[in-house]
Amino acid sequence: MQQTQPSIQYSSCRPAIGTEPDRIVTTQEAAAFCGFSVSHWRALWYSGRAPRPIKLSERKNGWRLSDLRAWIDSKAATAA
């Protein structure tokens, strides 16, 4: 009996994020929004290749949606 793996759609991995541009999202939401795993997102952030986070508490960081969208747009512009 052959089992098939369920296919994962890229858009289903993105968090449900509203239209408010300055909403702050968590590390997990930021990674999913940009299409990366959390570990890869952290590697980009630590190396300075991702937008700088906002320090929410001693152990919690967040990202503005507007910063993430601008970062994605700038990456798309340089790739084109």
C-alpha atoms as a PDB file:
ATOM      1  CA  MET A   1       0.000   0.000   0.000  1.00  0.00           C
ATOM      2  CA  GLN A   2       1.461   3.305  -1.081  1.00  0.00           C
ATOM      3  CA  GLN A   3       1.080   6.321   1.173  1.00  0.00           C
ATOM      4  CA  THR A   4       1.206   9.822  -0.162  1.00  0.00           C
ATOM      5  CA  GLN A   5       2.568  12.814   1.685  1.00  0.00           C
ATOM      6  CA  PRO A   6       0.182  15.732   2.031  1.00  0.00           C
ATOM      7  CA  SER A   7       1.387  18.682  -0.014  1.00  0.00           C
ATOM      8  CA  ILE A   8       2.016  21.902   1.850  1.00  0.00           C
ATOM      9  CA  GLN A   9       1.088  25.096   0.104  1.00  0.00           C
ATOM     10  CA  TYR A  10       3.471  28.032   0.585  1.00  0.00           C
ATOM     11  CA  SER A  11       0.631  30.388   1.355  1.00  0.00           C
ATOM     12  CA  SER A  12      -0.681  28.084   4.085  1.00  0.00           C
ATOM     13  CA  CYS A  13       2.584  28.557   5.969  1.00  0.00           C
ATOM     14  CA  ARG A  14       2.100  32.290   6.235  1.00  0.00           C
ATOM     15  CA  PRO A  15       0.422  33.518   9.389  1.00  0.00           C
ATOM     16  CA  ALA A  16      -2.914  35.241   9.156  1.00  0.00           C
ATOM     17  CA  ILE A  17      -1.745  38.829   9.338  1.00  0.00           C
ATOM     18  CA  GLY A  18      -4.029  41.809   9.069  1.00  0.00           C
ATOM     19  CA  THR A  19      -3.508  44.918   7.046  1.00  0.00           C
ATOM     20  CA  GLU A  20      -2.075  47.065   9.827  1.00  0.00           C
ATOM     21  CA  PRO A  21       1.449  47.863   8.556  1.00  0.00           C
ATOM     22  CA  ASP A  22       3.088  48.448  11.936  1.00  0.00           C
ATOM     23  CA  ARG A  23       1.820  45.319  13.598  1.00  0.00           C
ATOM     24  CA  ILE A  24       4.622  43.576  15.456  1.00  0.00           C
ATOM     25  CA  VAL A  25       5.017  39.869  14.769  1.00  0.00           C
ATOM     26  CA  THR A  26       6.943  37.186  16.649  1.00  0.00           C
ATOM     27  CA  THR A  27      10.050  35.395  15.433  1.00  0.00           C
ATOM     28  CA  GLN A  28       7.961  32.440  14.298  1.00  0.00           C
ATOM     29  CA  GLU A  29       5.493  34.673  12.442  1.00  0.00           C
ATOM     30  CA  ALA A  30       8.296  36.701  10.839  1.00  0.00           C
ATOM     31  CA  ALA A  31      10.036  33.551   9.618  1.00  0.00           C
ATOM     32  CA  ALA A  32       6.810  32.126   8.198  1.00  0.00           C
ATOM     33  CA  PHE A  33       5.847  35.451   6.622  1.00  0.00           C
ATOM     34  CA  CYS A  34       9.201  35.609   4.819  1.00  0.00           C
ATOM     35  CA  GLY A  35       9.107  31.934   3.849  1.00  0.00           C
ATOM     36  CA  PHE A  36      11.950  30.670   6.048  1.00  0.00           C
ATOM     37  CA  SER A  37      12.315  28.202   8.871  1.00  0.00           C
ATOM     38  CA  VAL A  38      12.803  29.738  12.307  1.00  0.00           C
ATOM     39  CA  SER A  39      16.403  28.507  12.491  1.00  0.00           C
ATOM     40  CA  HIS A  40      17.267  30.006   9.084  1.00  0.00           C
ATOM     41  CA  TRP A  41      15.510  33.265  10.019  1.00  0.00           C
ATOM     42  CA  ARG A  42      17.601  33.492  13.187  1.00  0.00           C
ATOM     43  CA  ALA A  43      20.778  32.833  11.186  1.00  0.00           C
ATOM     44  CA  LEU A  44      19.867  35.674   8.805  1.00  0.00           C
ATOM     45  CA  TRP A  45      19.111  37.953  11.731  1.00  0.00           C
ATOM     46  CA  TYR A  46      22.309  37.122  13.655  1.00  0.00           C
ATOM     47  CA  SER A  47      24.416  37.677  10.534  1.00  0.00           C
ATOM     48  CA  GLY A  48      22.786  41.064   9.884  1.00  0.00           C
ATOM     49  CA  ARG A  49      21.080  39.996   6.645  1.00  0.00           C
ATOM     50  CA  ALA A  50      17.531  40.408   7.998  1.00  0.00           C
ATOM     51  CA  PRO A  51      15.793  43.475   9.432  1.00  0.00           C
ATOM     52  CA  ARG A  52      16.664  44.390  12.994  1.00  0.00           C
ATOM     53  CA  PRO A  53      14.099  43.269  15.544  1.00  0.00           C
ATOM     54  CA  ILE A  54      12.436  45.300  18.254  1.00  0.00           C
ATOM     55  CA  LYS A  55      13.316  44.152  21.750  1.00  0.00           C
ATOM     56  CA  LEU A  56      10.011  43.377  23.475  1.00  0.00           C
ATOM     57  CA  SER A  57      11.484  41.876  26.646  1.00  0.00           C
ATOM     58  CA  GLU A  58      14.689  40.254  27.796  1.00  0.00           C
ATOM     59  CA  ARG A  59      14.029  37.112  25.747  1.00  0.00           C
ATOM     60  CA  LYS A  60      11.413  38.228  23.217  1.00  0.00           C
ATOM     61  CA  ASN A  61      11.957  40.026  19.908  1.00  0.00           C
ATOM     62  CA  GLY A  62       9.458  41.263  17.365  1.00  0.00           C
ATOM     63  CA  TRP A  63       9.487  42.648  13.848  1.00  0.00           C
ATOM     64  CA  ARG A  64       7.340  45.373  12.311  1.00  0.00           C
ATOM     65  CA  LEU A  65       5.367  44.106   9.340  1.00  0.00           C
ATOM     66  CA  SER A  66       6.268  47.229   7.410  1.00  0.00           C
ATOM     67  CA  ASP A  67       9.992  46.444   7.900  1.00  0.00           C
ATOM     68  CA  LEU A  68       9.495  42.859   6.716  1.00  0.00           C
ATOM     69  CA  ARG A  69       7.553  43.943   3.638  1.00  0.00           C
ATOM     70  CA  ALA A  70      10.188  46.561   2.766  1.00  0.00           C
ATOM     71  CA  TRP A  71      12.958  43.970   3.223  1.00  0.00           C
ATOM     72  CA  ILE A  72      11.172  41.477   0.952  1.00  0.00           C
ATOM     73  CA  ASP A  73      10.568  44.194  -1.658  1.00  0.00           C
ATOM     74  CA  SER A  74      14.236  45.239  -1.586  1.00  0.00           C
ATOM     75  CA  LYS A  75      15.344  41.625  -2.038  1.00  0.00           C
ATOM     76  CA  ALA A  76      12.943  41.217  -4.966  1.00  0.00           C
ATOM     77  CA  ALA A  77      14.204  44.453  -6.554  1.00  0.00           C
ATOM     78  CA  THR A  78      17.861  43.399  -6.352  1.00  0.00           C
ATOM     79  CA  ALA A  79      17.061  39.926  -7.751  1.00  0.00           C
ATOM     80  CA  ALA A  80      15.254  41.365 -10.774  1.00  0.00           C
END
